[in-house]
Each structure stands twice: as structure tokens, then as C-alpha cells.
């Protein structure tokens, strides 16, 4: 049996879960999310926890069992605590500014980049003198927060020689030595 799929999901006190066929709706203090788990996989609420069950031992059902258990767990975690990603802009003159839900980035190109962030994700930027600018993304949907962070990161990938670019805070970059002087 799937190790991830068989473990029940604990429901916190402030969270309500509604299972309607293949649709799981989770409502909590930070908002409301829903996930369609397909017709084959079953979800049920028992004694303050959500249990995900699969019909057979087929390889496909085993894979979906763990997948949907993780997705429903992300819903519960998102409506209680939320998700947060921090990106660091490393490079001379790299800047970030937020106006409403539009992120303006100066990444060393000939023009500034304006990125419209979805309304479900809250974006802030912090610039402290002597440190790299930090862009913070917060939201209740783990997939959406990660997707927006990946989009921002793809605008200027970290290069391995000087380490310039956009990276997650705390991310380790593999550095290369570069050329050495010829004899």
C-alpha cells in the first residue's frame, strides 16, 4: 500500500471539509480551496480526519492514491497556514518594486519587466541598502505560489560563474571556476 496515501489527514479545529462525489472543498480561516480527485479515488471524512481510498492495487491507482492525498493535504495546510516563497535578486543594479499586483523588475536588460501577479497571490518587495532585494510571494494555493515564483525566477536564471540572477532565499548554486590564465 502507498505509504503517503494510507496516512490520514488531520483536520484542524478551524477547518471544515465537504466531500461531494469527487470534489473536496476545504474552508478555513485564510480562505477556501477545492480539488477534484477523479471518479476512481474516494475521499471520506471520519473522526476529524480525511481518509483517501483507492479501488484496486493497480499501479495507476497506487500513484493516484498518493498524489491526491498530497493535494488534499496541501489544501488543508494552505487554508490554515498559507504558503510563502522568497526570491533574492543577486546582481548589480537589480531592483524590484510592487504597485498593486504588478511587479516591476529591473534585471539588467535594456528595459524593465512588468509582471502581473494573480490576485490570489500577495507580492511584496523589500530593498535594504547593502543587501540584495527580496521578493516575497504569499498565498493559500501552493501550486499557484510555486508557479508564480518559477515564472519570476525564469526571467533571469542564475548563471554559474558569478552567481548573478534570481534565486530562492537559501538556495545553493553550483559554481564553476571559469577560465584560468594561459601559460
C-alpha atoms as a PDB file:
ATOM      1  CA  UNK A   1       0.000   0.000   0.000  1.00  0.00           C
ATOM      2  CA  UNK A   2       1.124   3.554  -0.647  1.00  0.00           C
ATOM      3  CA  UNK A   3       2.925   4.981   2.368  1.00  0.00           C
ATOM      4  CA  UNK A   4       1.766   8.519   1.653  1.00  0.00           C
ATOM      5  CA  UNK A   5      -1.747   7.585   0.566  1.00  0.00           C
ATOM      6  CA  UNK A   6      -2.623   5.444   3.581  1.00  0.00           C
ATOM      7  CA  UNK A   7      -1.870   8.086   6.226  1.00  0.00           C
ATOM      8  CA  UNK A   8      -4.959  10.104   7.226  1.00  0.00           C
ATOM      9  CA  UNK A   9      -5.046  13.906   7.020  1.00  0.00           C
ATOM     10  CA  UNK A  10      -5.809  15.574  10.358  1.00  0.00           C
ATOM     11  CA  UNK A  11      -8.413  18.337  10.147  1.00  0.00           C
ATOM     12  CA  UNK A  12      -7.635  21.352  12.411  1.00  0.00           C
ATOM     13  CA  UNK A  13     -10.431  22.868  14.526  1.00  0.00           C
ATOM     14  CA  UNK A  14     -10.979  25.976  12.371  1.00  0.00           C
ATOM     15  CA  UNK A  15     -11.245  23.972   9.106  1.00  0.00           C
ATOM     16  CA  UNK A  16     -14.384  22.491   7.542  1.00  0.00           C
ATOM     17  CA  UNK A  17     -14.186  19.816   4.839  1.00  0.00           C
ATOM     18  CA  UNK A  18     -17.009  18.974   2.424  1.00  0.00           C
ATOM     19  CA  UNK A  19     -16.717  15.893   0.167  1.00  0.00           C
ATOM     20  CA  UNK A  20     -19.231  15.914  -2.676  1.00  0.00           C
ATOM     21  CA  UNK A  21     -18.575  12.970  -5.001  1.00  0.00           C
ATOM     22  CA  UNK A  22     -15.105  13.560  -6.438  1.00  0.00           C
ATOM     23  CA  UNK A  23     -14.887  17.212  -5.323  1.00  0.00           C
ATOM     24  CA  UNK A  24     -13.223  18.037  -1.998  1.00  0.00           C
ATOM     25  CA  UNK A  25     -13.869  21.557  -0.641  1.00  0.00           C
ATOM     26  CA  UNK A  26     -11.805  22.853   2.261  1.00  0.00           C
ATOM     27  CA  UNK A  27     -12.698  26.079   4.082  1.00  0.00           C
ATOM     28  CA  UNK A  28     -10.507  27.656   6.738  1.00  0.00           C
ATOM     29  CA  UNK A  29      -9.500  30.962   8.316  1.00  0.00           C
ATOM     30  CA  UNK A  30      -7.383  32.067   5.302  1.00  0.00           C
ATOM     31  CA  UNK A  31      -9.867  31.144   2.568  1.00  0.00           C
ATOM     32  CA  UNK A  32     -11.496  28.348   0.613  1.00  0.00           C
ATOM     33  CA  UNK A  33      -9.965  25.840  -1.844  1.00  0.00           C
ATOM     34  CA  UNK A  34     -11.256  22.870  -3.785  1.00  0.00           C
ATOM     35  CA  UNK A  35      -9.740  19.868  -5.565  1.00  0.00           C
ATOM     36  CA  UNK A  36     -11.249  17.338  -7.962  1.00  0.00           C
ATOM     37  CA  UNK A  37      -9.826  13.905  -7.081  1.00  0.00           C
ATOM     38  CA  UNK A  38     -11.234  11.931 -10.004  1.00  0.00           C
ATOM     39  CA  UNK A  39     -14.003   9.334 -10.051  1.00  0.00           C
ATOM     40  CA  UNK A  40     -11.876   6.311  -9.094  1.00  0.00           C
ATOM     41  CA  UNK A  41     -10.312   7.582  -5.864  1.00  0.00           C
ATOM     42  CA  UNK A  42     -12.667   8.036  -2.893  1.00  0.00           C
ATOM     43  CA  UNK A  43     -12.345  10.521  -0.034  1.00  0.00           C
ATOM     44  CA  UNK A  44     -14.261  10.435   3.231  1.00  0.00           C
ATOM     45  CA  UNK A  45     -14.264  12.369   6.493  1.00  0.00           C
ATOM     46  CA  UNK A  46     -14.064  10.249   9.658  1.00  0.00           C
ATOM     47  CA  UNK A  47     -13.426  11.312  13.264  1.00  0.00           C
ATOM     48  CA  UNK A  48     -11.687  14.599  12.486  1.00  0.00           C
ATOM     49  CA  UNK A  49      -9.553  13.315   9.622  1.00  0.00           C
ATOM     50  CA  UNK A  50      -9.762  12.836   5.861  1.00  0.00           C
ATOM     51  CA  UNK A  51      -9.105   9.345   4.504  1.00  0.00           C
ATOM     52  CA  UNK A  52      -8.264   8.742   0.843  1.00  0.00           C
ATOM     53  CA  UNK A  53      -9.016   5.238  -0.535  1.00  0.00           C
ATOM     54  CA  UNK A  54      -8.252   3.515  -3.841  1.00  0.00           C
ATOM     55  CA  UNK A  55     -10.342   0.794  -5.514  1.00  0.00           C
ATOM     56  CA  UNK A  56      -7.615  -1.669  -6.617  1.00  0.00           C
ATOM     57  CA  UNK A  57      -3.910  -2.397  -6.314  1.00  0.00           C
ATOM     58  CA  UNK A  58      -3.165  -1.339  -9.906  1.00  0.00           C
ATOM     59  CA  UNK A  59      -0.001   0.701 -10.365  1.00  0.00           C
ATOM     60  CA  UNK A  60      -2.027   3.663 -11.690  1.00  0.00           C
ATOM     61  CA  UNK A  61      -4.359   3.632  -8.691  1.00  0.00           C
ATOM     62  CA  UNK A  62      -1.411   3.443  -6.299  1.00  0.00           C
ATOM     63  CA  UNK A  63       0.142   6.512  -7.943  1.00  0.00           C
ATOM     64  CA  UNK A  64      -3.124   8.482  -7.870  1.00  0.00           C
ATOM     65  CA  UNK A  65      -3.705   7.469  -4.237  1.00  0.00           C
ATOM     66  CA  UNK A  66      -0.536   9.193  -3.004  1.00  0.00           C
ATOM     67  CA  UNK A  67      -0.968  12.131  -5.395  1.00  0.00           C
ATOM     68  CA  UNK A  68      -4.488  13.056  -4.301  1.00  0.00           C
ATOM     69  CA  UNK A  69      -3.667  12.550  -0.635  1.00  0.00           C
ATOM     70  CA  UNK A  70      -0.824  15.067  -1.011  1.00  0.00           C
ATOM     71  CA  UNK A  71      -3.014  17.529  -2.933  1.00  0.00           C
ATOM     72  CA  UNK A  72      -5.798  17.403  -0.306  1.00  0.00           C
ATOM     73  CA  UNK A  73      -3.199  17.800   2.453  1.00  0.00           C
ATOM     74  CA  UNK A  74      -1.874  20.912   0.637  1.00  0.00           C
ATOM     75  CA  UNK A  75      -5.423  22.328   0.647  1.00  0.00           C
ATOM     76  CA  UNK A  76      -5.765  21.843   4.414  1.00  0.00           C
ATOM     77  CA  UNK A  77      -2.312  23.312   5.071  1.00  0.00           C
ATOM     78  CA  UNK A  78      -2.975  26.245   2.726  1.00  0.00           C
ATOM     79  CA  UNK A  79      -6.225  27.388   4.355  1.00  0.00           C
ATOM     80  CA  UNK A  80      -4.700  27.180   7.853  1.00  0.00           C
ATOM     81  CA  UNK A  81      -1.117  28.480   7.464  1.00  0.00           C
ATOM     82  CA  UNK A  82      -0.704  29.518   3.821  1.00  0.00           C
ATOM     83  CA  UNK A  83       2.428  29.275   1.691  1.00  0.00           C
ATOM     84  CA  UNK A  84       5.338  31.659   1.304  1.00  0.00           C
ATOM     85  CA  UNK A  85       8.216  31.826  -1.195  1.00  0.00           C
ATOM     86  CA  UNK A  86      11.087  34.306  -1.043  1.00  0.00           C
ATOM     87  CA  UNK A  87      13.188  35.170  -4.086  1.00  0.00           C
ATOM     88  CA  UNK A  88      16.510  37.007  -3.936  1.00  0.00           C
ATOM     89  CA  UNK A  89      17.737  39.231  -6.797  1.00  0.00           C
ATOM     90  CA  UNK A  90      21.535  38.909  -6.994  1.00  0.00           C
ATOM     91  CA  UNK A  91      23.292  41.343  -9.325  1.00  0.00           C
ATOM     92  CA  UNK A  92      24.499  44.922  -9.570  1.00  0.00           C
ATOM     93  CA  UNK A  93      21.563  47.268 -10.130  1.00  0.00           C
ATOM     94  CA  UNK A  94      18.862  44.583  -9.870  1.00  0.00           C
ATOM     95  CA  UNK A  95      15.714  46.130  -8.387  1.00  0.00           C
ATOM     96  CA  UNK A  96      12.126  45.122  -7.609  1.00  0.00           C
ATOM     97  CA  UNK A  97       9.095  47.329  -6.950  1.00  0.00           C
ATOM     98  CA  UNK A  98       5.430  46.475  -6.397  1.00  0.00           C
ATOM     99  CA  UNK A  99       2.489  48.654  -7.439  1.00  0.00           C
ATOM    100  CA  UNK A 100      -0.788  46.926  -6.593  1.00  0.00           C
ATOM    101  CA  UNK A 101      -0.460  43.439  -8.050  1.00  0.00           C
ATOM    102  CA  UNK A 102       2.102  44.404 -10.692  1.00  0.00           C
ATOM    103  CA  UNK A 103       5.724  43.535 -10.033  1.00  0.00           C
ATOM    104  CA  UNK A 104       8.296  45.761 -11.751  1.00  0.00           C
ATOM    105  CA  UNK A 105      11.725  44.173 -12.131  1.00  0.00           C
ATOM    106  CA  UNK A 106      14.974  45.771 -13.305  1.00  0.00           C
ATOM    107  CA  UNK A 107      17.222  42.810 -14.143  1.00  0.00           C
ATOM    108  CA  UNK A 108      19.966  44.340 -16.247  1.00  0.00           C
ATOM    109  CA  UNK A 109      18.079  44.180 -19.539  1.00  0.00           C
ATOM    110  CA  UNK A 110      17.568  47.270 -21.718  1.00  0.00           C
ATOM    111  CA  UNK A 111      14.015  47.605 -20.346  1.00  0.00           C
ATOM    112  CA  UNK A 112      12.129  46.972 -17.104  1.00  0.00           C
ATOM    113  CA  UNK A 113       9.925  43.892 -16.853  1.00  0.00           C
ATOM    114  CA  UNK A 114       6.333  44.337 -15.646  1.00  0.00           C
ATOM    115  CA  UNK A 115       4.746  41.110 -14.375  1.00  0.00           C
ATOM    116  CA  UNK A 116       1.048  40.919 -13.473  1.00  0.00           C
ATOM    117  CA  UNK A 117       0.700  38.659 -10.430  1.00  0.00           C
ATOM    118  CA  UNK A 118      -2.649  36.851  -9.866  1.00  0.00           C
ATOM    119  CA  UNK A 119      -4.897  38.424  -7.240  1.00  0.00           C
ATOM    120  CA  UNK A 120      -4.786  35.239  -5.116  1.00  0.00           C
ATOM    121  CA  UNK A 121      -1.056  35.789  -4.513  1.00  0.00           C
ATOM    122  CA  UNK A 122       0.171  38.673  -2.362  1.00  0.00           C
ATOM    123  CA  UNK A 123       3.508  40.051  -3.525  1.00  0.00           C
ATOM    124  CA  UNK A 124       5.856  42.362  -1.597  1.00  0.00           C
ATOM    125  CA  UNK A 125       9.377  43.570  -2.254  1.00  0.00           C
ATOM    126  CA  UNK A 126      11.986  44.622   0.274  1.00  0.00           C
ATOM    127  CA  UNK A 127      15.152  46.533  -0.510  1.00  0.00           C
ATOM    128  CA  UNK A 128      17.722  47.139   2.236  1.00  0.00           C
ATOM    129  CA  UNK A 129      20.891  49.076   1.474  1.00  0.00           C
ATOM    130  CA  UNK A 130      23.891  46.767   1.232  1.00  0.00           C
ATOM    131  CA  UNK A 131      21.741  43.636   0.712  1.00  0.00           C
ATOM    132  CA  UNK A 132      20.076  42.019  -2.274  1.00  0.00           C
ATOM    133  CA  UNK A 133      16.412  42.888  -2.971  1.00  0.00           C
ATOM    134  CA  UNK A 134      13.953  40.217  -1.811  1.00  0.00           C
ATOM    135  CA  UNK A 135      10.567  39.494  -3.422  1.00  0.00           C
ATOM    136  CA  UNK A 136       8.088  37.660  -1.174  1.00  0.00           C
ATOM    137  CA  UNK A 137       5.078  35.734  -2.520  1.00  0.00           C
ATOM    138  CA  UNK A 138       2.298  34.620  -0.157  1.00  0.00           C
ATOM    139  CA  UNK A 139      -0.928  32.753  -0.834  1.00  0.00           C
ATOM    140  CA  UNK A 140      -3.099  29.792   0.122  1.00  0.00           C
ATOM    141  CA  UNK A 141      -2.693  27.810  -3.121  1.00  0.00           C
ATOM    142  CA  UNK A 142       0.683  26.008  -3.083  1.00  0.00           C
ATOM    143  CA  UNK A 143       0.648  25.300  -6.810  1.00  0.00           C
ATOM    144  CA  UNK A 144      -0.120  28.907  -7.778  1.00  0.00           C
ATOM    145  CA  UNK A 145       2.516  30.389  -5.439  1.00  0.00           C
ATOM    146  CA  UNK A 146       5.139  27.975  -6.787  1.00  0.00           C
ATOM    147  CA  UNK A 147       4.162  28.653 -10.394  1.00  0.00           C
ATOM    148  CA  UNK A 148       4.442  32.443  -9.977  1.00  0.00           C
ATOM    149  CA  UNK A 149       7.801  32.020  -8.197  1.00  0.00           C
ATOM    150  CA  UNK A 150       9.072  29.808 -11.030  1.00  0.00           C
ATOM    151  CA  UNK A 151       7.917  32.376 -13.622  1.00  0.00           C
ATOM    152  CA  UNK A 152       9.766  35.205 -11.829  1.00  0.00           C
ATOM    153  CA  UNK A 153      12.873  33.017 -11.466  1.00  0.00           C
ATOM    154  CA  UNK A 154      12.834  32.163 -15.187  1.00  0.00           C
ATOM    155  CA  UNK A 155      13.153  35.856 -16.121  1.00  0.00           C
ATOM    156  CA  UNK A 156      16.856  35.811 -15.126  1.00  0.00           C
ATOM    157  CA  UNK A 157      18.224  32.369 -14.285  1.00  0.00           C
ATOM    158  CA  UNK A 158      21.260  32.142 -12.023  1.00  0.00           C
ATOM    159  CA  UNK A 159      24.471  31.791 -14.010  1.00  0.00           C
ATOM    160  CA  UNK A 160      27.180  29.514 -12.561  1.00  0.00           C
ATOM    161  CA  UNK A 161      30.232  31.808 -12.935  1.00  0.00           C
ATOM    162  CA  UNK A 162      29.346  34.928 -10.940  1.00  0.00           C
ATOM    163  CA  UNK A 163      26.112  33.686  -9.354  1.00  0.00           C
ATOM    164  CA  UNK A 164      24.029  36.561 -10.750  1.00  0.00           C
ATOM    165  CA  UNK A 165      20.304  36.101 -11.277  1.00  0.00           C
ATOM    166  CA  UNK A 166      17.119  35.335  -9.335  1.00  0.00           C
ATOM    167  CA  UNK A 167      17.286  32.554  -6.749  1.00  0.00           C
ATOM    168  CA  UNK A 168      15.238  31.305  -3.836  1.00  0.00           C
ATOM    169  CA  UNK A 169      16.448  32.521  -0.430  1.00  0.00           C
ATOM    170  CA  UNK A 170      18.819  29.870   0.930  1.00  0.00           C
ATOM    171  CA  UNK A 171      19.288  28.108  -2.420  1.00  0.00           C
ATOM    172  CA  UNK A 172      22.764  26.721  -3.053  1.00  0.00           C
ATOM    173  CA  UNK A 173      24.177  27.406  -6.529  1.00  0.00           C
ATOM    174  CA  UNK A 174      26.826  25.168  -8.112  1.00  0.00           C
ATOM    175  CA  UNK A 175      29.613  27.493  -9.149  1.00  0.00           C
ATOM    176  CA  UNK A 176      32.136  26.938 -11.945  1.00  0.00           C
ATOM    177  CA  UNK A 177      35.767  28.052 -11.871  1.00  0.00           C
ATOM    178  CA  UNK A 178      35.868  29.801 -15.241  1.00  0.00           C
ATOM    179  CA  UNK A 179      38.969  30.392 -17.357  1.00  0.00           C
ATOM    180  CA  UNK A 180      42.446  30.321 -15.899  1.00  0.00           C
ATOM    181  CA  UNK A 181      45.357  32.375 -17.239  1.00  0.00           C
ATOM    182  CA  UNK A 182      47.187  30.690 -20.131  1.00  0.00           C
ATOM    183  CA  UNK A 183      50.910  29.972 -19.739  1.00  0.00           C
END
